[in-house]
C-alpha atoms as a PDB file:
ATOM      1  CA  UNK A   1      26.160  42.230  29.576  1.00  0.00           C
ATOM      2  CA  UNK A   2      25.728  42.259  25.816  1.00  0.00           C
ATOM      3  CA  UNK A   3      28.554  44.036  23.726  1.00  0.00           C
ATOM      4  CA  UNK A   4      28.263  45.047  20.110  1.00  0.00           C
ATOM      5  CA  UNK A   5      26.301  43.482  17.478  1.00  0.00           C
ATOM      6  CA  UNK A   6      28.154  41.078  15.954  1.00  0.00           C
ATOM      7  CA  UNK A   7      25.810  40.922  13.204  1.00  0.00           C
ATOM      8  CA  UNK A   8      22.034  40.623  11.327  1.00  0.00           C
ATOM      9  CA  UNK A   9      21.209  37.166  10.142  1.00  0.00           C
ATOM     10  CA  UNK A  10      18.609  37.305   6.853  1.00  0.00           C
ATOM     11  CA  UNK A  11      17.649  33.926   5.532  1.00  0.00           C
ATOM     12  CA  UNK A  12      17.257  33.894   1.796  1.00  0.00           C
ATOM     13  CA  UNK A  13      14.968  31.694  -0.262  1.00  0.00           C
ATOM     14  CA  UNK A  14      18.120  31.667  -3.728  1.00  0.00           C
ATOM     15  CA  UNK A  15      21.422  32.057  -1.857  1.00  0.00           C
ATOM     16  CA  UNK A  16      23.338  33.333  -5.402  1.00  0.00           C
ATOM     17  CA  UNK A  17      20.520  35.848  -6.147  1.00  0.00           C
ATOM     18  CA  UNK A  18      21.149  37.192  -2.602  1.00  0.00           C
ATOM     19  CA  UNK A  19      24.812  37.016  -2.976  1.00  0.00           C
ATOM     20  CA  UNK A  20      24.402  39.014  -6.442  1.00  0.00           C
ATOM     21  CA  UNK A  21      22.428  41.715  -4.709  1.00  0.00           C
ATOM     22  CA  UNK A  22      24.672  42.736  -1.846  1.00  0.00           C
ATOM     23  CA  UNK A  23      27.801  41.965  -4.108  1.00  0.00           C
ATOM     24  CA  UNK A  24      26.919  43.700  -7.925  1.00  0.00           C
ATOM     25  CA  UNK A  25      24.004  45.849  -6.709  1.00  0.00           C
ATOM     26  CA  UNK A  26      24.802  47.211  -3.517  1.00  0.00           C
ATOM     27  CA  UNK A  27      28.905  46.973  -3.520  1.00  0.00           C
ATOM     28  CA  UNK A  28      29.240  44.967  -0.854  1.00  0.00           C
ATOM     29  CA  UNK A  29      32.002  42.427   0.475  1.00  0.00           C
ATOM     30  CA  UNK A  30      30.832  39.444   0.240  1.00  0.00           C
ATOM     31  CA  UNK A  31      32.716  36.072   1.988  1.00  0.00           C
ATOM     32  CA  UNK A  32      32.190  33.006   0.016  1.00  0.00           C
ATOM     33  CA  UNK A  33      29.692  30.513   1.184  1.00  0.00           C
ATOM     34  CA  UNK A  34      30.224  27.893   4.211  1.00  0.00           C
ATOM     35  CA  UNK A  35      28.342  25.105   4.967  1.00  0.00           C
ATOM     36  CA  UNK A  36      27.735  24.531   8.548  1.00  0.00           C
ATOM     37  CA  UNK A  37      26.086  21.704   9.154  1.00  0.00           C
ATOM     38  CA  UNK A  38      25.548  21.387  12.817  1.00  0.00           C
ATOM     39  CA  UNK A  39      23.470  24.453  12.391  1.00  0.00           C
ATOM     40  CA  UNK A  40      21.823  23.154   8.878  1.00  0.00           C
ATOM     41  CA  UNK A  41      22.847  26.275   6.752  1.00  0.00           C
ATOM     42  CA  UNK A  42      25.013  27.408   4.332  1.00  0.00           C
ATOM     43  CA  UNK A  43      26.182  31.058   5.868  1.00  0.00           C
ATOM     44  CA  UNK A  44      27.383  33.953   3.897  1.00  0.00           C
ATOM     45  CA  UNK A  45      28.851  37.137   5.589  1.00  0.00           C
ATOM     46  CA  UNK A  46      28.621  40.687   4.089  1.00  0.00           C
ATOM     47  CA  UNK A  47      30.647  42.578   5.741  1.00  0.00           C
ATOM     48  CA  UNK A  48      30.472  45.893   6.553  1.00  0.00           C
ATOM     49  CA  UNK A  49      32.735  48.622   8.662  1.00  0.00           C
ATOM     50  CA  UNK A  50      30.406  48.327  11.996  1.00  0.00           C
ATOM     51  CA  UNK A  51      28.990  45.258  11.427  1.00  0.00           C
ATOM     52  CA  UNK A  52      27.967  41.702   9.276  1.00  0.00           C
ATOM     53  CA  UNK A  53      24.938  40.667   7.711  1.00  0.00           C
ATOM     54  CA  UNK A  54      24.479  37.125   7.790  1.00  0.00           C
ATOM     55  CA  UNK A  55      22.857  35.675   5.031  1.00  0.00           C
ATOM     56  CA  UNK A  56      21.171  31.937   5.989  1.00  0.00           C
ATOM     57  CA  UNK A  57      20.735  29.445   3.405  1.00  0.00           C
ATOM     58  CA  UNK A  58      19.013  25.601   4.205  1.00  0.00           C
ATOM     59  CA  UNK A  59      20.998  23.047   4.013  1.00  0.00           C
ATOM     60  CA  UNK A  60      17.870  20.481   3.487  1.00  0.00           C
ATOM     61  CA  UNK A  61      14.506  20.377   3.995  1.00  0.00           C
ATOM     62  CA  UNK A  62      14.779  19.547   7.796  1.00  0.00           C
ATOM     63  CA  UNK A  63      16.799  23.020   8.263  1.00  0.00           C
ATOM     64  CA  UNK A  64      15.536  25.499  10.815  1.00  0.00           C
ATOM     65  CA  UNK A  65      15.431  27.977   7.614  1.00  0.00           C
ATOM     66  CA  UNK A  66      13.747  25.636   5.310  1.00  0.00           C
ATOM     67  CA  UNK A  67      10.969  26.174   8.232  1.00  0.00           C
ATOM     68  CA  UNK A  68      11.363  29.960   8.748  1.00  0.00           C
ATOM     69  CA  UNK A  69      11.307  30.212   4.537  1.00  0.00           C
ATOM     70  CA  UNK A  70       7.890  28.013   4.253  1.00  0.00           C
ATOM     71  CA  UNK A  71       6.617  30.966   6.533  1.00  0.00           C
ATOM     72  CA  UNK A  72       8.134  34.034   4.800  1.00  0.00           C
ATOM     73  CA  UNK A  73       8.987  32.725   1.007  1.00  0.00           C
ATOM     74  CA  UNK A  74      10.384  35.784   0.397  1.00  0.00           C
ATOM     75  CA  UNK A  75      12.808  35.763   3.417  1.00  0.00           C
ATOM     76  CA  UNK A  76      13.317  37.955   6.023  1.00  0.00           C
ATOM     77  CA  UNK A  77      15.207  38.855   9.314  1.00  0.00           C
ATOM     78  CA  UNK A  78      15.904  35.520  11.364  1.00  0.00           C
ATOM     79  CA  UNK A  79      17.756  36.750  14.247  1.00  0.00           C
ATOM     80  CA  UNK A  80      20.385  39.253  15.867  1.00  0.00           C
ATOM     81  CA  UNK A  81      23.779  38.211  16.927  1.00  0.00           C
ATOM     82  CA  UNK A  82      25.515  39.913  20.050  1.00  0.00           C
ATOM     83  CA  UNK A  83      28.720  39.661  21.557  1.00  0.00           C
ATOM     84  CA  UNK A  84      29.639  38.402  25.037  1.00  0.00           C
ATOM     85  CA  UNK A  85      32.294  37.610  27.040  1.00  0.00           C
ATOM     86  CA  UNK A  86      31.631  34.853  28.956  1.00  0.00           C
ATOM     87  CA  UNK A  87      29.057  32.692  27.198  1.00  0.00           C
ATOM     88  CA  UNK A  88      28.414  30.774  30.326  1.00  0.00           C
ATOM     89  CA  UNK A  89      28.389  33.342  32.605  1.00  0.00           C
ATOM     90  CA  UNK A  90      25.506  34.800  30.137  1.00  0.00           C
ATOM     91  CA  UNK A  91      23.758  31.415  29.802  1.00  0.00           C
ATOM     92  CA  UNK A  92      23.494  31.307  33.655  1.00  0.00           C
ATOM     93  CA  UNK A  93      22.404  35.115  34.015  1.00  0.00           C
ATOM     94  CA  UNK A  94      19.718  34.662  31.715  1.00  0.00           C
ATOM     95  CA  UNK A  95      18.562  31.553  33.227  1.00  0.00           C
ATOM     96  CA  UNK A  96      18.558  33.362  36.142  1.00  0.00           C
ATOM     97  CA  UNK A  97      16.276  35.748  35.396  1.00  0.00           C
ATOM     98  CA  UNK A  98      13.877  33.201  33.485  1.00  0.00           C
ATOM     99  CA  UNK A  99      15.115  33.858  29.886  1.00  0.00           C
ATOM    100  CA  UNK A 100      14.863  30.608  27.754  1.00  0.00           C
ATOM    101  CA  UNK A 101      17.749  29.099  25.977  1.00  0.00           C
ATOM    102  CA  UNK A 102      17.167  27.036  22.923  1.00  0.00           C
ATOM    103  CA  UNK A 103      18.357  23.288  22.031  1.00  0.00           C
ATOM    104  CA  UNK A 104      19.949  21.547  25.321  1.00  0.00           C
ATOM    105  CA  UNK A 105      21.164  24.984  26.916  1.00  0.00           C
ATOM    106  CA  UNK A 106      25.228  23.921  25.860  1.00  0.00           C
ATOM    107  CA  UNK A 107      26.914  26.140  23.377  1.00  0.00           C
ATOM    108  CA  UNK A 108      27.623  25.569  19.934  1.00  0.00           C
ATOM    109  CA  UNK A 109      30.065  26.428  17.745  1.00  0.00           C
ATOM    110  CA  UNK A 110      29.014  28.827  15.010  1.00  0.00           C
ATOM    111  CA  UNK A 111      29.701  29.994  11.934  1.00  0.00           C
ATOM    112  CA  UNK A 112      32.677  32.178  13.384  1.00  0.00           C
ATOM    113  CA  UNK A 113      34.567  29.041  15.214  1.00  0.00           C
ATOM    114  CA  UNK A 114      33.374  30.836  18.397  1.00  0.00           C
ATOM    115  CA  UNK A 115      30.829  29.377  20.956  1.00  0.00           C
ATOM    116  CA  UNK A 116      27.131  30.529  20.444  1.00  0.00           C
ATOM    117  CA  UNK A 117      23.826  30.091  22.098  1.00  0.00           C
ATOM    118  CA  UNK A 118      20.454  31.319  20.910  1.00  0.00           C
ATOM    119  CA  UNK A 119      17.506  32.217  23.109  1.00  0.00           C
ATOM    120  CA  UNK A 120      14.258  31.911  23.160  1.00  0.00           C
ATOM    121  CA  UNK A 121      12.304  35.184  20.827  1.00  0.00           C
ATOM    122  CA  UNK A 122       9.069  35.137  22.929  1.00  0.00           C
ATOM    123  CA  UNK A 123      11.443  36.279  25.922  1.00  0.00           C
ATOM    124  CA  UNK A 124      12.727  38.638  23.407  1.00  0.00           C
ATOM    125  CA  UNK A 125       9.600  40.495  21.821  1.00  0.00           C
ATOM    126  CA  UNK A 126       9.531  38.323  19.293  1.00  0.00           C
ATOM    127  CA  UNK A 127      13.381  38.507  18.427  1.00  0.00           C
ATOM    128  CA  UNK A 128      15.597  35.569  18.256  1.00  0.00           C
ATOM    129  CA  UNK A 129      19.025  36.268  19.873  1.00  0.00           C
ATOM    130  CA  UNK A 130      22.262  34.688  19.172  1.00  0.00           C
ATOM    131  CA  UNK A 131      24.935  35.076  21.841  1.00  0.00           C
ATOM    132  CA  UNK A 132      28.671  35.004  20.630  1.00  0.00           C
ATOM    133  CA  UNK A 133      31.852  34.383  22.760  1.00  0.00           C
ATOM    134  CA  UNK A 134      34.690  36.764  21.782  1.00  0.00           C
END
C-alpha cells in the first residue's frame, strides 16, 4: 500500500534558525516559507536527492505544532509521510484493519496541494504517519 517516503517532518521552535542551519551549515536547498492555515503551520521544505525534510513552525498558540513544541522545547521529528496511489482506498483498507484516522477521516489538502490523511501514532509504534496521494 505505502510507496516511497515523501518526507520527514521536524517541528522547530525557530524557523529562521532552522533554515540557516540547513541552508548555510548543511548546504541544502531550502524552499521559501509557506503558510498552511488549514493545518496551523508554516512549512519549509529541505529538498534532498531522494526525499524531503519538512520544517514545521506553529501559526499561533492553537497550532498542533505549538502543543508538540510545548512538550519538546528544542523541536524534533513530528511525523513521517508516505506516498499512496489512492488515499481513499488506503484509508478504507487501514480502517478495515483497525487503524485510526485522525480528524474526521476525510482527506485534507496538504502543503504539496495533494490529499493527505494522518494515522494515529498509537497504532504505529508511537509514530505519527501522514499519507499523501500521488
